Structure formats: C-alpha cells, structure tokens
PDB file of N, CA and C in Angstrom:
ATOM      1  N   UNK A   1       6.632 -26.353 -43.339  1.00  0.00           N
ATOM      2  CA  UNK A   1       6.015 -25.718 -44.476  1.00  0.00           C
ATOM      3  C   UNK A   1       7.119 -25.153 -45.364  1.00  0.00           C
ATOM      4  N   UNK A   2       7.092 -25.514 -46.635  1.00  0.00           N
ATOM      5  CA  UNK A   2       8.085 -25.028 -47.579  1.00  0.00           C
ATOM      6  C   UNK A   2       7.817 -23.585 -47.978  1.00  0.00           C
ATOM      7  N   UNK A   3       8.773 -23.010 -48.625  1.00  0.00           N
ATOM      8  CA  UNK A   3       8.627 -21.635 -49.107  1.00  0.00           C
ATOM      9  C   UNK A   3       8.977 -21.583 -50.582  1.00  0.00           C
ATOM     10  N   UNK A   4       8.424 -20.588 -51.252  1.00  0.00           N
ATOM     11  CA  UNK A   4       8.712 -20.344 -52.656  1.00  0.00           C
ATOM     12  C   UNK A   4       9.098 -18.886 -52.814  1.00  0.00           C
ATOM     13  N   UNK A   5      10.151 -18.643 -53.529  1.00  0.00           N
ATOM     14  CA  UNK A   5      10.609 -17.277 -53.757  1.00  0.00           C
ATOM     15  C   UNK A   5       9.807 -16.672 -54.900  1.00  0.00           C
ATOM     16  N   UNK A   6       9.292 -15.456 -54.702  1.00  0.00           N
ATOM     17  CA  UNK A   6       8.506 -14.745 -55.705  1.00  0.00           C
ATOM     18  C   UNK A   6       9.128 -13.373 -55.943  1.00  0.00           C
ATOM     19  N   UNK A   7       8.981 -12.895 -57.147  1.00  0.00           N
ATOM     20  CA  UNK A   7       9.402 -11.532 -57.472  1.00  0.00           C
ATOM     21  C   UNK A   7       8.142 -10.763 -57.824  1.00  0.00           C
ATOM     22  N   UNK A   8       7.931  -9.619 -57.171  1.00  0.00           N
ATOM     23  CA  UNK A   8       6.763  -8.808 -57.473  1.00  0.00           C
ATOM     24  C   UNK A   8       7.212  -7.402 -57.850  1.00  0.00           C
ATOM     25  N   UNK A   9       6.346  -6.713 -58.552  1.00  0.00           N
ATOM     26  CA  UNK A   9       6.610  -5.325 -58.936  1.00  0.00           C
ATOM     27  C   UNK A   9       5.538  -4.456 -58.308  1.00  0.00           C
ATOM     28  N   UNK A  10       5.956  -3.411 -57.636  1.00  0.00           N
ATOM     29  CA  UNK A  10       5.020  -2.467 -57.029  1.00  0.00           C
ATOM     30  C   UNK A  10       5.362  -1.066 -57.521  1.00  0.00           C
ATOM     31  N   UNK A  11       4.397  -0.168 -57.403  1.00  0.00           N
ATOM     32  CA  UNK A  11       4.650   1.221 -57.789  1.00  0.00           C
ATOM     33  C   UNK A  11       5.534   1.877 -56.729  1.00  0.00           C
ATOM     34  N   UNK A  12       6.078   3.031 -57.074  1.00  0.00           N
ATOM     35  CA  UNK A  12       6.891   3.770 -56.099  1.00  0.00           C
ATOM     36  C   UNK A  12       6.058   4.114 -54.864  1.00  0.00           C
ATOM     37  N   UNK A  13       4.813   4.497 -55.088  1.00  0.00           N
ATOM     38  CA  UNK A  13       3.936   4.844 -53.976  1.00  0.00           C
ATOM     39  C   UNK A  13       3.688   3.628 -53.082  1.00  0.00           C
ATOM     40  N   UNK A  14       3.464   2.459 -53.671  1.00  0.00           N
ATOM     41  CA  UNK A  14       3.266   1.237 -52.892  1.00  0.00           C
ATOM     42  C   UNK A  14       4.529   0.865 -52.127  1.00  0.00           C
ATOM     43  N   UNK A  15       5.694   1.059 -52.763  1.00  0.00           N
ATOM     44  CA  UNK A  15       6.959   0.769 -52.101  1.00  0.00           C
ATOM     45  C   UNK A  15       7.149   1.663 -50.880  1.00  0.00           C
ATOM     46  N   UNK A  16       6.798   2.929 -51.021  1.00  0.00           N
ATOM     47  CA  UNK A  16       6.905   3.857 -49.886  1.00  0.00           C
ATOM     48  C   UNK A  16       5.969   3.445 -48.760  1.00  0.00           C
ATOM     49  N   UNK A  17       4.781   2.982 -49.127  1.00  0.00           N
ATOM     50  CA  UNK A  17       3.823   2.517 -48.122  1.00  0.00           C
ATOM     51  C   UNK A  17       4.393   1.320 -47.359  1.00  0.00           C
ATOM     52  N   UNK A  18       4.933   0.358 -48.086  1.00  0.00           N
ATOM     53  CA  UNK A  18       5.513  -0.827 -47.445  1.00  0.00           C
ATOM     54  C   UNK A  18       6.652  -0.423 -46.522  1.00  0.00           C
ATOM     55  N   UNK A  19       7.515   0.454 -46.999  1.00  0.00           N
ATOM     56  CA  UNK A  19       8.632   0.925 -46.167  1.00  0.00           C
ATOM     57  C   UNK A  19       8.133   1.602 -44.901  1.00  0.00           C
ATOM     58  N   UNK A  20       7.044   2.368 -45.024  1.00  0.00           N
ATOM     59  CA  UNK A  20       6.489   3.052 -43.852  1.00  0.00           C
ATOM     60  C   UNK A  20       5.960   2.051 -42.829  1.00  0.00           C
ATOM     61  N   UNK A  21       5.367   0.960 -43.305  1.00  0.00           N
ATOM     62  CA  UNK A  21       4.857  -0.067 -42.394  1.00  0.00           C
ATOM     63  C   UNK A  21       6.014  -0.723 -41.640  1.00  0.00           C
ATOM     64  N   UNK A  22       7.101  -0.928 -42.342  1.00  0.00           N
ATOM     65  CA  UNK A  22       8.281  -1.538 -41.723  1.00  0.00           C
ATOM     66  C   UNK A  22       8.916  -0.567 -40.735  1.00  0.00           C
ATOM     67  N   UNK A  23       9.054   0.686 -41.157  1.00  0.00           N
ATOM     68  CA  UNK A  23       9.643   1.696 -40.271  1.00  0.00           C
ATOM     69  C   UNK A  23       8.783   1.936 -39.040  1.00  0.00           C
ATOM     70  N   UNK A  24       7.480   1.720 -39.184  1.00  0.00           N
ATOM     71  CA  UNK A  24       6.568   1.877 -38.051  1.00  0.00           C
ATOM     72  C   UNK A  24       6.700   0.772 -37.024  1.00  0.00           C
ATOM     73  N   UNK A  25       7.465  -0.253 -37.347  1.00  0.00           N
ATOM     74  CA  UNK A  25       7.730  -1.330 -36.405  1.00  0.00           C
ATOM     75  C   UNK A  25       6.742  -2.479 -36.448  1.00  0.00           C
ATOM     76  N   UNK A  26       5.773  -2.409 -37.354  1.00  0.00           N
ATOM     77  CA  UNK A  26       4.798  -3.493 -37.424  1.00  0.00           C
ATOM     78  C   UNK A  26       5.362  -4.734 -38.108  1.00  0.00           C
ATOM     79  N   UNK A  27       6.340  -4.549 -38.975  1.00  0.00           N
ATOM     80  CA  UNK A  27       6.927  -5.643 -39.752  1.00  0.00           C
ATOM     81  C   UNK A  27       8.433  -5.437 -39.816  1.00  0.00           C
ATOM     82  N   UNK A  28       9.146  -6.543 -40.006  1.00  0.00           N
ATOM     83  CA  UNK A  28      10.612  -6.434 -40.045  1.00  0.00           C
ATOM     84  C   UNK A  28      11.150  -6.336 -41.467  1.00  0.00           C
ATOM     85  N   UNK A  29      10.340  -6.771 -42.456  1.00  0.00           N
ATOM     86  CA  UNK A  29      10.798  -6.690 -43.839  1.00  0.00           C
ATOM     87  C   UNK A  29       9.621  -6.762 -44.803  1.00  0.00           C
ATOM     88  N   UNK A  30       9.894  -6.562 -46.081  1.00  0.00           N
ATOM     89  CA  UNK A  30       8.852  -6.564 -47.108  1.00  0.00           C
ATOM     90  C   UNK A  30       8.080  -7.885 -47.134  1.00  0.00           C
ATOM     91  N   UNK A  31       8.799  -8.985 -47.055  1.00  0.00           N
ATOM     92  CA  UNK A  31       8.164 -10.299 -47.137  1.00  0.00           C
ATOM     93  C   UNK A  31       7.168 -10.519 -46.011  1.00  0.00           C
ATOM     94  N   UNK A  32       7.538 -10.113 -44.822  1.00  0.00           N
ATOM     95  CA  UNK A  32       6.641 -10.272 -43.682  1.00  0.00           C
ATOM     96  C   UNK A  32       5.351  -9.479 -43.906  1.00  0.00           C
ATOM     97  N   UNK A  33       5.474  -8.286 -44.435  1.00  0.00           N
ATOM     98  CA  UNK A  33       4.299  -7.454 -44.705  1.00  0.00           C
ATOM     99  C   UNK A  33       3.413  -8.094 -45.777  1.00  0.00           C
ATOM    100  N   UNK A  34       4.008  -8.558 -46.859  1.00  0.00           N
ATOM    101  CA  UNK A  34       3.240  -9.180 -47.946  1.00  0.00           C
ATOM    102  C   UNK A  34       2.556 -10.456 -47.448  1.00  0.00           C
ATOM    103  N   UNK A  35       3.256 -11.266 -46.655  1.00  0.00           N
ATOM    104  CA  UNK A  35       2.640 -12.486 -46.106  1.00  0.00           C
ATOM    105  C   UNK A  35       1.446 -12.137 -45.215  1.00  0.00           C
ATOM    106  N   UNK A  36       1.570 -11.054 -44.440  1.00  0.00           N
ATOM    107  CA  UNK A  36       0.461 -10.624 -43.595  1.00  0.00           C
ATOM    108  C   UNK A  36      -0.741 -10.218 -44.451  1.00  0.00           C
ATOM    109  N   UNK A  37      -0.502  -9.505 -45.536  1.00  0.00           N
ATOM    110  CA  UNK A  37      -1.586  -9.130 -46.444  1.00  0.00           C
ATOM    111  C   UNK A  37      -2.280 -10.367 -47.016  1.00  0.00           C
ATOM    112  N   UNK A  38      -1.493 -11.355 -47.391  1.00  0.00           N
ATOM    113  CA  UNK A  38      -2.056 -12.582 -47.951  1.00  0.00           C
ATOM    114  C   UNK A  38      -2.891 -13.310 -46.899  1.00  0.00           C
ATOM    115  N   UNK A  39      -2.378 -13.415 -45.668  1.00  0.00           N
ATOM    116  CA  UNK A  39      -3.140 -14.078 -44.602  1.00  0.00           C
ATOM    117  C   UNK A  39      -4.470 -13.368 -44.357  1.00  0.00           C
ATOM    118  N   UNK A  40      -4.438 -12.027 -44.325  1.00  0.00           N
ATOM    119  CA  UNK A  40      -5.683 -11.278 -44.103  1.00  0.00           C
ATOM    120  C   UNK A  40      -6.651 -11.467 -45.259  1.00  0.00           C
ATOM    121  N   UNK A  41      -6.134 -11.519 -46.481  1.00  0.00           N
ATOM    122  CA  UNK A  41      -6.994 -11.738 -47.644  1.00  0.00           C
ATOM    123  C   UNK A  41      -7.606 -13.134 -47.603  1.00  0.00           C
ATOM    124  N   UNK A  42      -6.825 -14.116 -47.185  1.00  0.00           N
ATOM    125  CA  UNK A  42      -7.345 -15.482 -47.054  1.00  0.00           C
ATOM    126  C   UNK A  42      -8.454 -15.529 -46.003  1.00  0.00           C
ATOM    127  N   UNK A  43      -8.250 -14.861 -44.876  1.00  0.00           N
ATOM    128  CA  UNK A  43      -9.253 -14.844 -43.815  1.00  0.00           C
ATOM    129  C   UNK A  43     -10.523 -14.151 -44.303  1.00  0.00           C
ATOM    130  N   UNK A  44     -10.361 -13.053 -45.013  1.00  0.00           N
ATOM    131  CA  UNK A  44     -11.528 -12.334 -45.537  1.00  0.00           C
ATOM    132  C   UNK A  44     -12.279 -13.216 -46.531  1.00  0.00           C
ATOM    133  N   UNK A  45     -11.557 -13.940 -47.360  1.00  0.00           N
ATOM    134  CA  UNK A  45     -12.191 -14.845 -48.304  1.00  0.00           C
ATOM    135  C   UNK A  45     -13.000 -15.915 -47.595  1.00  0.00           C
ATOM    136  N   UNK A  46     -12.456 -16.441 -46.513  1.00  0.00           N
ATOM    137  CA  UNK A  46     -13.171 -17.444 -45.722  1.00  0.00           C
ATOM    138  C   UNK A  46     -14.438 -16.842 -45.138  1.00  0.00           C
ATOM    139  N   UNK A  47     -14.337 -15.615 -44.586  1.00  0.00           N
ATOM    140  CA  UNK A  47     -15.505 -14.951 -44.001  1.00  0.00           C
ATOM    141  C   UNK A  47     -16.584 -14.721 -45.050  1.00  0.00           C
ATOM    142  N   UNK A  48     -16.189 -14.322 -46.247  1.00  0.00           N
ATOM    143  CA  UNK A  48     -17.152 -14.106 -47.328  1.00  0.00           C
ATOM    144  C   UNK A  48     -17.841 -15.419 -47.681  1.00  0.00           C
ATOM    145  N   UNK A  49     -17.086 -16.505 -47.730  1.00  0.00           N
ATOM    146  CA  UNK A  49     -17.673 -17.817 -48.029  1.00  0.00           C
ATOM    147  C   UNK A  49     -18.694 -18.222 -46.973  1.00  0.00           C
ATOM    148  N   UNK A  50     -18.388 -17.964 -45.704  1.00  0.00           N
ATOM    149  CA  UNK A  50     -19.315 -18.306 -44.621  1.00  0.00           C
ATOM    150  C   UNK A  50     -20.589 -17.474 -44.746  1.00  0.00           C
ATOM    151  N   UNK A  51     -20.440 -16.177 -44.988  1.00  0.00           N
ATOM    152  CA  UNK A  51     -21.610 -15.307 -45.142  1.00  0.00           C
ATOM    153  C   UNK A  51     -22.445 -15.750 -46.332  1.00  0.00           C
ATOM    154  N   UNK A  52     -21.795 -16.025 -47.446  1.00  0.00           N
ATOM    155  CA  UNK A  52     -22.506 -16.472 -48.652  1.00  0.00           C
ATOM    156  C   UNK A  52     -23.290 -17.760 -48.359  1.00  0.00           C
ATOM    157  N   UNK A  53     -22.669 -18.681 -47.660  1.00  0.00           N
ATOM    158  CA  UNK A  53     -23.321 -19.940 -47.314  1.00  0.00           C
ATOM    159  C   UNK A  53     -24.550 -19.698 -46.445  1.00  0.00           C
ATOM    160  N   UNK A  54     -24.427 -18.813 -45.462  1.00  0.00           N
ATOM    161  CA  UNK A  54     -25.557 -18.513 -44.577  1.00  0.00           C
ATOM    162  C   UNK A  54     -26.681 -17.807 -45.331  1.00  0.00           C
ATOM    163  N   UNK A  55     -26.336 -16.946 -46.273  1.00  0.00           N
ATOM    164  CA  UNK A  55     -27.360 -16.284 -47.085  1.00  0.00           C
ATOM    165  C   UNK A  55     -28.122 -17.303 -47.927  1.00  0.00           C
ATOM    166  N   UNK A  56     -27.409 -18.260 -48.493  1.00  0.00           N
ATOM    167  CA  UNK A  56     -28.054 -19.309 -49.283  1.00  0.00           C
ATOM    168  C   UNK A  56     -28.996 -20.125 -48.398  1.00  0.00           C
ATOM    169  N   UNK A  57     -28.539 -20.479 -47.183  1.00  0.00           N
ATOM    170  CA  UNK A  57     -29.408 -21.209 -46.253  1.00  0.00           C
ATOM    171  C   UNK A  57     -30.671 -20.413 -45.965  1.00  0.00           C
ATOM    172  N   UNK A  58     -30.510 -19.107 -45.749  1.00  0.00           N
ATOM    173  CA  UNK A  58     -31.662 -18.261 -45.467  1.00  0.00           C
ATOM    174  C   UNK A  58     -32.633 -18.229 -46.628  1.00  0.00           C
ATOM    175  N   UNK A  59     -32.104 -18.125 -47.832  1.00  0.00           N
ATOM    176  CA  UNK A  59     -32.959 -18.094 -49.018  1.00  0.00           C
ATOM    177  C   UNK A  59     -33.710 -19.406 -49.199  1.00  0.00           C
ATOM    178  N   UNK A  60     -33.089 -20.486 -48.796  1.00  0.00           N
ATOM    179  CA  UNK A  60     -33.694 -21.805 -48.972  1.00  0.00           C
ATOM    180  C   UNK A  60     -34.572 -22.224 -47.789  1.00  0.00           C
ATOM    181  N   UNK A  61     -34.659 -21.394 -46.769  1.00  0.00           N
ATOM    182  CA  UNK A  61     -35.375 -21.788 -45.548  1.00  0.00           C
ATOM    183  C   UNK A  61     -36.879 -21.606 -45.642  1.00  0.00           C
ATOM    184  N   UNK A  62     -37.364 -21.062 -46.717  1.00  0.00           N
ATOM    185  CA  UNK A  62     -38.812 -20.906 -46.868  1.00  0.00           C
ATOM    186  C   UNK A  62     -39.199 -19.466 -47.120  1.00  0.00           C
ATOM    187  N   UNK A  63     -40.491 -19.264 -47.166  1.00  0.00           N
ATOM    188  CA  UNK A  63     -41.010 -17.924 -47.435  1.00  0.00           C
ATOM    189  C   UNK A  63     -40.722 -16.990 -46.271  1.00  0.00           C
ATOM    190  N   UNK A  64     -40.499 -15.722 -46.572  1.00  0.00           N
ATOM    191  CA  UNK A  64     -40.247 -14.763 -45.500  1.00  0.00           C
ATOM    192  C   UNK A  64     -41.493 -14.547 -44.640  1.00  0.00           C
ATOM    193  N   UNK A  65     -41.257 -14.196 -43.387  1.00  0.00           N
ATOM    194  CA  UNK A  65     -42.346 -13.884 -42.468  1.00  0.00           C
ATOM    195  C   UNK A  65     -42.275 -12.413 -42.107  1.00  0.00           C
ATOM    196  N   UNK A  66     -43.397 -11.811 -41.766  1.00  0.00           N
ATOM    197  CA  UNK A  66     -43.383 -10.396 -41.381  1.00  0.00           C
ATOM    198  C   UNK A  66     -42.457 -10.182 -40.177  1.00  0.00           C
ATOM    199  N   UNK A  67     -41.821  -9.024 -40.141  1.00  0.00           N
ATOM    200  CA  UNK A  67     -40.906  -8.694 -39.044  1.00  0.00           C
ATOM    201  C   UNK A  67     -41.341  -7.386 -38.426  1.00  0.00           C
ATOM    202  N   UNK A  68     -41.593  -7.403 -37.133  1.00  0.00           N
ATOM    203  CA  UNK A  68     -41.994  -6.206 -36.395  1.00  0.00           C
ATOM    204  C   UNK A  68     -40.775  -5.711 -35.613  1.00  0.00           C
ATOM    205  N   UNK A  69     -40.135  -4.679 -36.118  1.00  0.00           N
ATOM    206  CA  UNK A  69     -38.903  -4.172 -35.499  1.00  0.00           C
ATOM    207  C   UNK A  69     -39.146  -3.673 -34.082  1.00  0.00           C
ATOM    208  N   UNK A  70     -40.271  -3.007 -33.866  1.00  0.00           N
ATOM    209  CA  UNK A  70     -40.567  -2.483 -32.529  1.00  0.00           C
ATOM    210  C   UNK A  70     -40.707  -3.627 -31.529  1.00  0.00           C
ATOM    211  N   UNK A  71     -41.449  -4.646 -31.908  1.00  0.00           N
ATOM    212  CA  UNK A  71     -41.639  -5.799 -31.037  1.00  0.00           C
ATOM    213  C   UNK A  71     -40.302  -6.500 -30.768  1.00  0.00           C
ATOM    214  N   UNK A  72     -39.472  -6.605 -31.797  1.00  0.00           N
ATOM    215  CA  UNK A  72     -38.159  -7.228 -31.637  1.00  0.00           C
ATOM    216  C   UNK A  72     -37.314  -6.441 -30.635  1.00  0.00           C
ATOM    217  N   UNK A  73     -37.295  -5.124 -30.778  1.00  0.00           N
ATOM    218  CA  UNK A  73     -36.507  -4.287 -29.858  1.00  0.00           C
ATOM    219  C   UNK A  73     -37.003  -4.424 -28.428  1.00  0.00           C
ATOM    220  N   UNK A  74     -38.316  -4.453 -28.266  1.00  0.00           N
ATOM    221  CA  UNK A  74     -38.878  -4.608 -26.920  1.00  0.00           C
ATOM    222  C   UNK A  74     -38.497  -5.960 -26.326  1.00  0.00           C
ATOM    223  N   UNK A  75     -38.571  -6.986 -27.132  1.00  0.00           N
ATOM    224  CA  UNK A  75     -38.212  -8.325 -26.671  1.00  0.00           C
ATOM    225  C   UNK A  75     -36.739  -8.383 -26.265  1.00  0.00           C
ATOM    226  N   UNK A  76     -35.873  -7.791 -27.060  1.00  0.00           N
ATOM    227  CA  UNK A  76     -34.440  -7.795 -26.750  1.00  0.00           C
ATOM    228  C   UNK A  76     -34.138  -6.945 -25.526  1.00  0.00           C
ATOM    229  N   UNK A  77     -34.835  -5.818 -25.397  1.00  0.00           N
ATOM    230  CA  UNK A  77     -34.643  -4.958 -24.225  1.00  0.00           C
ATOM    231  C   UNK A  77     -35.040  -5.707 -22.952  1.00  0.00           C
ATOM    232  N   UNK A  78     -36.173  -6.409 -23.014  1.00  0.00           N
ATOM    233  CA  UNK A  78     -36.613  -7.177 -21.846  1.00  0.00           C
ATOM    234  C   UNK A  78     -35.635  -8.307 -21.543  1.00  0.00           C
ATOM    235  N   UNK A  79     -35.168  -8.948 -22.572  1.00  0.00           N
ATOM    236  CA  UNK A  79     -34.246 -10.067 -22.387  1.00  0.00           C
ATOM    237  C   UNK A  79     -32.927  -9.606 -21.766  1.00  0.00           C
ATOM    238  N   UNK A  80     -32.484  -8.417 -22.130  1.00  0.00           N
ATOM    239  CA  UNK A  80     -31.197  -7.911 -21.646  1.00  0.00           C
ATOM    240  C   UNK A  80     -31.365  -6.847 -20.561  1.00  0.00           C
ATOM    241  N   UNK A  81     -32.567  -6.757 -20.001  1.00  0.00           N
ATOM    242  CA  UNK A  81     -32.873  -5.847 -18.889  1.00  0.00           C
ATOM    243  C   UNK A  81     -32.540  -4.397 -19.196  1.00  0.00           C
ATOM    244  N   UNK A  82     -32.870  -3.970 -20.396  1.00  0.00           N
ATOM    245  CA  UNK A  82     -32.684  -2.568 -20.765  1.00  0.00           C
ATOM    246  C   UNK A  82     -34.054  -1.955 -21.030  1.00  0.00           C
ATOM    247  N   UNK A  83     -34.147  -0.690 -20.808  1.00  0.00           N
ATOM    248  CA  UNK A  83     -35.385   0.000 -21.124  1.00  0.00           C
ATOM    249  C   UNK A  83     -35.350   0.480 -22.555  1.00  0.00           C
ATOM    250  N   UNK A  84     -36.488   0.413 -23.236  1.00  0.00           N
ATOM    251  CA  UNK A  84     -36.571   0.901 -24.618  1.00  0.00           C
ATOM    252  C   UNK A  84     -36.784   2.401 -24.599  1.00  0.00           C
ATOM    253  N   UNK A  85     -36.423   3.003 -25.668  1.00  0.00           N
ATOM    254  CA  UNK A  85     -36.594   4.468 -25.790  1.00  0.00           C
ATOM    255  C   UNK A  85     -37.841   4.791 -26.548  1.00  0.00           C
TER     256      UNK A  85
END
C-alpha cells in the first residue's frame, strides 16, 4: 500500500491533545494518531451505511404490526430462562 504525504493545520488545543495521546503511550507519533482517527471514521461510516440499509429494508417490508412490549419481554424471559419483574 502506497503512502501520500499530507500537511494539516490544527489549533494549539488540538495539538496539545494529540501530544497527550502520544505521551500516554497509545501512539508513537502524530501520523499514527491521525491514521487511527481516519480508520475509526471509516468504520463508523460503514456502520452508518449498514444501519441505513437495514432501516430502508424495514420501511419497505410492509405495514407495521402492533407490538406488545409486555408479551415480548415475557417471551424473551422464558426463552432465556429468566423471571420477569
């Protein structure tokens, strides 16, 4: 995998935060920290896409049906051998 050099500008407060993360031992340098932020943002974006897709499927699955929360809890309690309160 190739790399590309980037120059970014951060505030003094952001710079102090990055330095603190490095001093805390979680990262060895600024680049490692920024790459970690990007990876987490990419993962979050993927998770949002999956949730959005599932919501669309739900909306397209037909008319809603009544939901009895008490009955659902009882069913789950019985299934998992727990007593309901």
